[in-house]
Amino acid sequence: MRETISHTDTITAEAAEQTVAQPVAQPGSNRRMTLNMGPQHPSTHGVLRVVLELDGETILTAVPDIGFLHTGIEKECEVKTWQQVVTLTDRVDYLANLSNNLVYALAVEKLIGDIEIPPKAQWMRVMLAEFSRLNSHLVWLGTHALDIGAMTVFFYCFREREDIVRIFEMFSGQRMMTSYIRIGGLALEPPRGWQQVVGKFINAFPSKVDEYEELLDANPIWKRRTQGVGMAPLEDLLDLGVTGPMIRAAGVAWDARKSEPYSSYDKFDFDICTRTENDVFARYRVRLGEMRQSARIIKQALEGMPEGAWQADAPKIVLPEREKMKTQMEALIYHFKIVTEGFRVPAGEAYQTVESPRGEIGYYVVSNGTSKPYRVYMRTPSFGNLQALPALLEGRLLADSIAALGSMDFVLGDTDR
């Protein structure tokens, strides 16, 4: 006769403890496994491949594999005129295109030397760069929260982000690739009524940040997934050249807007947001603080915007107004020559940095005296910060990898170029 074995659906606490005990390793067994995370994984936020070597669920090594989005933008700059390159800078960090417009324009203006940017154009550049920071941080917070399981925050963040891209469209005619900051000033005169639109948004925005904070700070799942996760030694971060919210979340108050002010940032009152915990939660808190400080800067720009010209008085570099082009022969000639041939920049080299949402962008621009750049090199923050990925992941659990990786807020176009 066959013996009947009875089964139950319940398990005692003692039995449960026995089931989770370490299994006895068989002689010669190997627990290590190589796992490819990406480049199709949705939570790598772009075509990033991370080669993970696992011991069970513990990450032993993490090697980022980049280059899947390489576009050759730096090389392509060499066959464009100086002004045409602005459209390429839009596509480096497509979530903060105005920051790349700005750093390129400042570098070329350094080379030109005798060009004076009007105060109104400088303040408008600051205001739009901070809108770009808000836009980027909102996309980061919404998608990062979605990765960890908080869906509501995603919809809230994209609600405000939609208002920002409409403001970009109002100024430039484009929602993303605006090319609005140009060598010599701005691409177009600020539209009529922009003060009302910007004022309505910026007065309401701080209360929206409070909503994000209330949703996440009191959420026990969010805190358990982010606090104490993704930590790396400060010495390693400094050695690797990490910048932006990542280094500020480790207690280093370094911000190019304060340390090396540009475009009239020294005339604005704002604070550098820092934390000391150096984990995923700290980076989230730093970016929340930065959103509040950006709103503060935008409000100051709105209330104190200087009157006057929005582009430099440099007819050989800046396109003339369309009405002048239609009525004045000299303006028509300048327009024709700038559009067809470009303008010449004195031979030399210049380096300029700005603080983007991801960290410090540096553009090294070389001219040989022609109408096209001889060399444009981009020191992008995503590329520099991604070097710290092994320090964040190695020795951690696989389940924590997405939270740690997402807290870096890299953009693969910014990494690969």
Protein backbone atom coordinates (compact mmCIF):
# COMPACT_ATOMS: atom_id res chain seq x y z
CA MET A 1 0.00 0.00 0.00
CA ARG A 2 1.08 3.53 -0.76
CA GLU A 3 1.62 5.70 2.27
CA THR A 4 -0.47 8.88 2.34
CA ILE A 5 1.41 12.04 3.33
CA SER A 6 -0.71 14.86 4.70
CA HIS A 7 0.17 18.52 3.94
CA THR A 8 -0.83 21.69 5.75
CA ASP A 9 -1.04 25.28 4.56
CA THR A 10 0.43 26.67 7.74
CA ILE A 11 4.02 26.73 8.95
CA THR A 12 5.31 27.18 12.47
CA ALA A 13 7.77 29.91 13.43
CA GLU A 14 10.44 27.28 14.17
CA ALA A 15 9.96 25.69 10.78
CA ALA A 16 10.10 29.10 9.09
CA GLU A 17 13.43 29.83 10.75
CA GLN A 18 14.77 26.53 9.47
CA THR A 19 13.69 27.28 5.90
CA VAL A 20 15.58 30.60 5.79
CA ALA A 21 18.73 29.21 7.35
CA GLN A 22 21.85 29.15 5.17
CA PRO A 23 21.78 26.05 2.97
CA VAL A 24 24.67 23.68 3.29
CA ALA A 25 27.05 24.38 0.43
CA GLN A 26 27.88 21.37 -1.69
CA PRO A 27 31.57 20.70 -2.34
CA GLY A 28 32.75 22.67 -5.37
CA SER A 29 29.51 24.61 -5.73
CA ASN A 30 29.72 28.18 -7.05
CA ARG A 31 27.17 30.79 -6.01
CA ARG A 32 28.47 33.54 -8.30
CA MET A 33 26.50 34.73 -11.30
CA THR A 34 26.98 37.44 -13.92
CA LEU A 35 23.87 39.50 -14.60
CA ASN A 36 23.34 42.13 -17.31
CA MET A 37 21.12 44.96 -16.11
CA GLY A 38 20.22 46.98 -19.19
CA PRO A 39 20.63 48.43 -21.72
CA GLN A 40 16.89 47.78 -22.16
CA HIS A 41 16.03 47.86 -18.48
CA PRO A 42 13.51 50.71 -17.97
CA SER A 43 14.96 51.69 -14.59
CA THR A 44 18.43 52.41 -15.93
CA HIS A 45 16.82 55.54 -17.42
CA GLY A 46 18.33 55.20 -20.85
CA VAL A 47 20.55 52.77 -22.68
CA LEU A 48 22.92 52.02 -19.81
CA ARG A 49 24.24 48.48 -19.36
CA VAL A 50 25.57 47.53 -15.94
CA VAL A 51 27.41 44.22 -15.72
CA LEU A 52 26.83 42.87 -12.23
CA GLU A 53 28.64 39.96 -10.62
CA LEU A 54 26.48 38.52 -7.87
CA ASP A 55 27.07 36.26 -4.91
CA GLY A 56 23.52 35.27 -4.17
CA GLU A 57 21.80 38.67 -3.95
CA THR A 58 24.94 40.60 -2.99
CA ILE A 59 26.65 42.65 -5.70
CA LEU A 60 30.36 41.86 -5.84
CA THR A 61 31.30 44.02 -8.83
CA ALA A 62 29.36 46.55 -10.91
CA VAL A 63 30.80 47.74 -14.21
CA PRO A 64 28.88 50.40 -16.19
CA ASP A 65 29.02 49.87 -19.96
CA ILE A 66 28.28 53.08 -21.87
CA GLY A 67 28.33 54.27 -25.47
CA PHE A 68 24.99 52.98 -26.77
CA LEU A 69 23.78 56.58 -27.31
CA HIS A 70 27.01 58.01 -28.72
CA THR A 71 26.18 60.69 -31.31
CA GLY A 72 29.58 62.27 -32.00
CA ILE A 73 28.30 65.72 -31.06
CA GLU A 74 31.73 67.06 -30.10
CA LYS A 75 33.16 66.14 -33.50
CA GLU A 76 30.09 67.41 -35.32
CA CYS A 77 30.61 70.85 -33.74
CA GLU A 78 33.73 71.24 -35.91
CA VAL A 79 31.71 71.36 -39.15
CA LYS A 80 29.07 73.81 -37.90
CA THR A 81 29.32 77.57 -37.62
CA TRP A 82 29.65 78.99 -34.10
CA GLN A 83 25.96 79.82 -33.87
CA GLN A 84 24.81 76.52 -35.39
CA VAL A 85 26.52 74.60 -32.58
CA VAL A 86 23.85 75.91 -30.19
CA THR A 87 21.36 73.40 -31.65
CA LEU A 88 23.79 70.57 -30.90
CA THR A 89 24.23 71.63 -27.26
CA ASP A 90 20.46 71.19 -26.86
CA ARG A 91 20.88 67.49 -27.51
CA VAL A 92 23.66 66.74 -25.04
CA ASP A 93 21.59 66.88 -21.85
CA TYR A 94 18.08 66.99 -23.28
CA LEU A 95 16.53 67.51 -19.82
CA ALA A 96 18.64 70.63 -19.20
CA ASN A 97 19.28 71.95 -22.68
CA LEU A 98 19.29 75.59 -21.59
CA SER A 99 22.17 74.92 -19.20
CA ASN A 100 24.23 73.61 -22.12
CA ASN A 101 23.17 76.56 -24.29
CA LEU A 102 24.36 78.87 -21.54
CA VAL A 103 27.76 77.31 -20.88
CA TYR A 104 28.57 77.21 -24.61
CA ALA A 105 27.47 80.82 -25.16
CA LEU A 106 29.54 82.01 -22.18
CA ALA A 107 32.64 80.15 -23.44
CA VAL A 108 32.38 81.64 -26.94
CA GLU A 109 31.69 85.11 -25.52
CA LYS A 110 34.92 84.75 -23.52
CA LEU A 111 36.78 84.12 -26.77
CA ILE A 112 35.17 87.06 -28.55
CA GLY A 113 36.17 89.27 -25.63
CA ASP A 114 34.74 92.66 -26.61
CA ILE A 115 31.08 91.70 -26.47
CA GLU A 116 28.91 93.01 -23.62
CA ILE A 117 25.79 91.06 -22.70
CA PRO A 118 23.00 93.41 -21.50
CA PRO A 119 21.75 92.96 -17.91
CA LYS A 120 18.29 91.94 -19.09
CA ALA A 121 19.72 89.10 -21.18
CA GLN A 122 21.86 87.95 -18.24
CA TRP A 123 18.95 87.88 -15.82
CA MET A 124 16.71 86.19 -18.36
CA ARG A 125 19.40 83.52 -18.83
CA VAL A 126 19.49 82.95 -15.07
CA MET A 127 15.72 82.66 -14.86
CA LEU A 128 15.51 80.17 -17.73
CA ALA A 129 18.44 78.12 -16.41
CA GLU A 130 16.61 77.76 -13.10
CA PHE A 131 13.42 76.75 -14.91
CA SER A 132 15.57 74.13 -16.62
CA ARG A 133 16.76 72.92 -13.20
CA LEU A 134 13.16 72.63 -12.01
CA ASN A 135 12.18 70.77 -15.18
CA SER A 136 15.02 68.28 -14.74
CA HIS A 137 14.48 67.71 -11.02
CA LEU A 138 10.76 67.13 -11.57
CA VAL A 139 11.45 64.47 -14.20
CA TRP A 140 14.00 62.88 -11.87
CA LEU A 141 11.74 62.84 -8.81
CA GLY A 142 8.74 61.51 -10.71
CA THR A 143 10.62 58.67 -12.41
CA HIS A 144 12.76 57.84 -9.37
CA ALA A 145 9.67 57.57 -7.16
CA LEU A 146 8.02 55.40 -9.83
CA ASP A 147 11.02 53.04 -9.78
CA ILE A 148 10.59 52.58 -6.04
CA GLY A 149 6.83 52.10 -6.30
CA ALA A 150 5.35 55.56 -5.60
CA MET A 151 3.14 56.19 -8.63
CA THR A 152 1.24 59.26 -7.38
CA VAL A 153 4.37 61.40 -7.18
CA PHE A 154 5.05 60.74 -10.87
CA PHE A 155 1.73 62.30 -11.91
CA TYR A 156 2.17 65.24 -9.54
CA CYS A 157 5.67 66.05 -10.83
CA PHE A 158 4.69 65.84 -14.47
CA ARG A 159 1.73 68.13 -13.78
CA GLU A 160 4.17 70.93 -12.88
CA ARG A 161 6.67 69.92 -15.55
CA GLU A 162 3.98 70.41 -18.19
CA ASP A 163 3.53 74.02 -17.07
CA ILE A 164 7.29 74.60 -17.38
CA VAL A 165 7.60 73.23 -20.91
CA ARG A 166 4.66 75.44 -21.89
CA ILE A 167 6.63 78.41 -20.59
CA PHE A 168 9.60 77.25 -22.71
CA GLU A 169 7.27 77.03 -25.70
CA MET A 170 5.98 80.53 -25.00
CA PHE A 171 9.53 81.94 -25.08
CA SER A 172 11.08 79.92 -27.88
CA GLY A 173 8.36 78.09 -29.81
CA GLN A 174 9.79 74.73 -28.66
CA ARG A 175 9.02 72.57 -25.65
CA MET A 176 12.38 70.80 -25.30
CA MET A 177 15.10 71.70 -27.82
CA THR A 178 14.66 75.44 -27.42
CA SER A 179 18.08 76.80 -28.56
CA TYR A 180 16.91 79.97 -26.83
CA ILE A 181 20.18 81.13 -25.26
CA ARG A 182 22.45 82.29 -28.08
CA ILE A 183 25.90 83.83 -28.44
CA GLY A 184 25.31 87.50 -27.70
CA GLY A 185 22.08 87.17 -25.76
CA LEU A 186 18.79 85.44 -26.52
CA ALA A 187 17.28 84.03 -29.70
CA LEU A 188 14.08 86.09 -29.51
CA GLU A 189 12.68 88.97 -27.57
CA PRO A 190 10.81 87.74 -24.46
CA PRO A 191 7.12 87.41 -25.38
CA ARG A 192 4.45 89.81 -24.23
CA GLY A 193 2.75 88.69 -21.04
CA TRP A 194 5.56 86.40 -19.87
CA GLN A 195 5.59 88.10 -16.44
CA GLN A 196 2.00 87.04 -15.71
CA VAL A 197 2.56 83.44 -16.79
CA VAL A 198 5.83 83.06 -14.88
CA GLY A 199 4.43 84.84 -11.83
CA LYS A 200 1.35 82.61 -11.68
CA PHE A 201 3.48 79.47 -11.84
CA ILE A 202 6.22 80.48 -9.42
CA ASN A 203 3.82 81.75 -6.75
CA ALA A 204 2.05 78.39 -6.67
CA PHE A 205 5.09 76.12 -7.09
CA PRO A 206 6.46 76.06 -3.48
CA SER A 207 3.18 74.55 -2.27
CA LYS A 208 3.59 71.79 -4.87
CA VAL A 209 7.02 70.90 -3.46
CA ASP A 210 5.34 70.66 -0.04
CA GLU A 211 2.95 68.10 -1.55
CA TYR A 212 5.81 65.93 -2.82
CA GLU A 213 7.44 66.14 0.59
CA GLU A 214 4.26 65.16 2.43
CA LEU A 215 3.70 62.20 0.12
CA LEU A 216 7.20 60.77 0.52
CA ASP A 217 8.67 61.82 3.86
CA ALA A 218 5.95 60.09 5.86
CA ASN A 219 5.95 56.99 3.66
CA PRO A 220 7.65 54.12 5.53
CA ILE A 221 8.32 52.17 2.33
CA TRP A 222 10.07 55.18 0.76
CA LYS A 223 12.22 55.70 3.83
CA ARG A 224 13.21 52.03 4.11
CA ARG A 225 14.12 51.93 0.40
CA THR A 226 16.23 55.11 0.52
CA GLN A 227 17.74 55.67 3.98
CA GLY A 228 21.16 54.07 4.40
CA VAL A 229 21.13 52.91 0.76
CA GLY A 230 23.66 53.84 -1.92
CA MET A 231 26.32 55.25 0.35
CA ALA A 232 29.89 55.77 -0.85
CA PRO A 233 32.99 57.13 0.94
CA LEU A 234 33.33 60.89 0.51
CA GLU A 235 37.02 60.45 -0.38
CA ASP A 236 36.04 58.24 -3.32
CA LEU A 237 33.49 60.77 -4.56
CA LEU A 238 36.06 63.56 -4.44
CA ASP A 239 38.73 61.45 -6.15
CA LEU A 240 36.31 60.56 -8.95
CA GLY A 241 35.31 64.18 -9.56
CA VAL A 242 31.66 63.76 -8.58
CA THR A 243 29.72 67.04 -8.60
CA GLY A 244 26.20 68.34 -8.18
CA PRO A 245 23.56 67.06 -5.74
CA MET A 246 25.54 63.86 -5.20
CA ILE A 247 28.52 65.63 -3.65
CA ARG A 248 26.33 68.14 -1.82
CA ALA A 249 24.38 65.25 -0.27
CA ALA A 250 27.74 64.10 1.15
CA GLY A 251 28.24 67.42 2.95
CA VAL A 252 30.37 69.35 0.42
CA ALA A 253 28.91 72.81 -0.25
CA TRP A 254 30.26 73.18 -3.79
CA ASP A 255 28.12 74.96 -6.37
CA ALA A 256 29.53 76.79 -9.41
CA ARG A 257 26.81 79.43 -9.11
CA LYS A 258 28.40 80.48 -5.81
CA SER A 259 32.06 79.49 -6.22
CA GLU A 260 32.49 80.88 -9.75
CA PRO A 261 29.47 83.16 -10.38
CA TYR A 262 28.44 83.74 -13.98
CA SER A 263 25.70 85.62 -15.78
CA SER A 264 24.89 87.81 -12.73
CA TYR A 265 24.30 84.92 -10.29
CA ASP A 266 26.22 86.97 -7.72
CA LYS A 267 23.27 89.40 -7.65
CA PHE A 268 20.82 86.72 -6.47
CA ASP A 269 20.20 85.59 -2.91
CA PHE A 270 19.98 81.79 -2.55
CA ASP A 271 21.43 78.99 -0.44
CA ILE A 272 23.46 75.90 -1.30
CA CYS A 273 21.49 72.84 -0.15
CA THR A 274 23.58 70.18 1.58
CA ARG A 275 23.09 67.03 3.66
CA THR A 276 25.57 64.79 5.41
CA GLU A 277 23.95 61.34 5.27
CA ASN A 278 25.34 60.63 1.78
CA ASP A 279 22.58 58.16 0.87
CA VAL A 280 19.65 58.00 -1.56
CA PHE A 281 17.37 59.82 0.88
CA ALA A 282 19.91 62.66 1.29
CA ARG A 283 20.11 63.16 -2.49
CA TYR A 284 16.32 63.34 -2.62
CA ARG A 285 16.29 65.96 0.15
CA VAL A 286 18.99 68.02 -1.58
CA ARG A 287 17.05 68.11 -4.83
CA LEU A 288 13.85 69.08 -3.03
CA GLY A 289 15.76 71.95 -1.43
CA GLU A 290 17.20 72.96 -4.78
CA MET A 291 13.71 73.16 -6.27
CA ARG A 292 12.75 75.61 -3.52
CA GLN A 293 15.92 77.65 -4.08
CA SER A 294 15.34 77.72 -7.86
CA ALA A 295 11.83 79.04 -7.27
CA ARG A 296 13.37 81.69 -5.03
CA ILE A 297 15.83 82.74 -7.76
CA ILE A 298 13.12 82.84 -10.43
CA LYS A 299 10.96 85.06 -8.23
CA GLN A 300 13.87 87.47 -7.72
CA ALA A 301 14.51 87.53 -11.48
CA LEU A 302 10.82 88.20 -12.15
CA GLU A 303 10.57 91.03 -9.64
CA GLY A 304 13.93 92.68 -10.45
CA MET A 305 14.22 92.08 -14.21
CA PRO A 306 16.21 95.00 -15.71
CA GLU A 307 14.85 96.98 -18.62
CA GLY A 308 16.72 97.36 -21.86
CA ALA A 309 18.07 95.26 -24.70
CA TRP A 310 17.85 91.47 -24.73
CA GLN A 311 20.88 90.98 -26.98
CA ALA A 312 24.29 92.59 -27.37
CA ASP A 313 24.99 95.50 -29.66
CA ALA A 314 27.20 93.47 -31.99
CA PRO A 315 25.83 93.61 -35.55
CA LYS A 316 28.55 91.33 -36.96
CA ILE A 317 27.66 88.56 -34.47
CA VAL A 318 24.01 88.98 -33.49
CA LEU A 319 21.29 88.75 -36.13
CA PRO A 320 19.55 92.12 -36.66
CA GLU A 321 15.90 92.64 -35.82
CA ARG A 322 13.64 91.50 -38.63
CA GLU A 323 12.10 94.93 -39.13
CA LYS A 324 15.56 96.47 -39.60
CA MET A 325 16.50 93.66 -41.99
CA LYS A 326 13.48 94.54 -44.14
CA THR A 327 14.15 98.27 -44.23
CA GLN A 328 17.92 98.80 -43.87
CA MET A 329 20.45 97.56 -46.44
CA GLU A 330 23.28 97.30 -43.89
CA ALA A 331 21.16 95.10 -41.61
CA LEU A 332 20.22 92.91 -44.56
CA ILE A 333 23.90 92.44 -45.48
CA TYR A 334 24.82 91.50 -41.90
CA HIS A 335 21.92 89.04 -41.76
CA PHE A 336 22.94 87.42 -45.04
CA LYS A 337 26.60 87.06 -44.07
CA ILE A 338 25.88 85.66 -40.56
CA VAL A 339 23.38 83.10 -41.90
CA THR A 340 25.43 81.96 -44.89
CA GLU A 341 29.01 82.23 -43.60
CA GLY A 342 28.77 82.65 -39.85
CA PHE A 343 31.05 85.02 -37.95
CA ARG A 344 34.74 84.70 -37.15
CA VAL A 345 35.94 84.25 -33.57
CA PRO A 346 39.47 85.36 -32.62
CA ALA A 347 41.98 82.53 -32.32
CA GLY A 348 42.40 81.25 -28.78
CA GLU A 349 40.86 78.92 -26.22
CA ALA A 350 38.43 79.31 -23.33
CA TYR A 351 36.97 77.13 -20.60
CA GLN A 352 33.67 77.85 -18.89
CA THR A 353 31.69 76.01 -16.21
CA VAL A 354 28.10 76.29 -15.05
CA GLU A 355 26.04 74.36 -12.51
CA SER A 356 23.54 72.11 -14.27
CA PRO A 357 20.88 70.02 -12.49
CA ARG A 358 23.29 67.07 -12.56
CA GLY A 359 26.47 68.88 -11.56
CA GLU A 360 29.24 70.92 -13.10
CA ILE A 361 29.30 71.27 -16.90
CA GLY A 362 32.55 72.46 -18.43
CA TYR A 363 33.00 73.49 -22.07
CA TYR A 364 36.50 73.84 -23.50
CA VAL A 365 36.31 75.75 -26.78
CA VAL A 366 39.20 76.33 -29.20
CA SER A 367 39.16 78.74 -32.15
CA ASN A 368 41.65 79.01 -35.03
CA GLY A 369 40.18 82.30 -36.18
CA THR A 370 37.64 80.89 -38.63
CA SER A 371 33.85 80.83 -38.62
CA LYS A 372 33.77 77.27 -37.23
CA PRO A 373 35.10 75.88 -33.93
CA TYR A 374 38.43 74.09 -34.14
CA ARG A 375 37.53 72.01 -31.07
CA VAL A 376 34.64 71.77 -28.60
CA TYR A 377 35.14 69.50 -25.61
CA MET A 378 32.35 68.92 -23.12
CA ARG A 379 33.01 67.90 -19.52
CA THR A 380 29.58 66.55 -18.69
CA PRO A 381 28.48 65.78 -15.12
CA SER A 382 26.69 62.52 -15.94
CA PHE A 383 29.89 61.02 -17.36
CA GLY A 384 31.94 62.06 -14.33
CA ASN A 385 29.36 61.00 -11.78
CA LEU A 386 28.79 57.59 -13.39
CA GLN A 387 32.33 56.62 -12.38
CA ALA A 388 31.02 56.40 -8.81
CA LEU A 389 28.48 53.70 -9.67
CA PRO A 390 30.69 50.77 -8.55
CA ALA A 391 31.34 52.50 -5.21
CA LEU A 392 27.58 52.87 -4.69
CA LEU A 393 26.60 49.31 -5.67
CA GLU A 394 29.40 46.94 -4.69
CA GLY A 395 28.71 45.12 -1.46
CA ARG A 396 25.00 46.05 -1.58
CA LEU A 397 21.94 43.93 -2.27
CA LEU A 398 20.62 43.64 -5.81
CA ALA A 399 17.23 44.92 -4.59
CA ASP A 400 18.86 48.24 -3.65
CA SER A 401 20.61 48.74 -6.99
CA ILE A 402 17.75 50.56 -8.72
CA ALA A 403 17.30 53.03 -5.86
CA ALA A 404 21.05 53.75 -5.70
CA LEU A 405 21.42 53.99 -9.47
CA GLY A 406 18.39 56.26 -9.85
CA SER A 407 19.64 58.64 -7.15
CA MET A 408 22.55 59.60 -9.43
CA ASP A 409 20.19 61.28 -11.95
CA PHE A 410 22.38 60.76 -15.00
CA VAL A 411 21.28 61.33 -18.59
CA LEU A 412 22.80 58.99 -21.15
CA GLY A 413 22.97 61.64 -23.87
CA ASP A 414 25.00 63.68 -21.39
CA THR A 415 27.21 60.62 -20.74
CA ASP A 416 27.81 59.37 -24.27
CA ARG A 417 27.55 62.56 -26.37
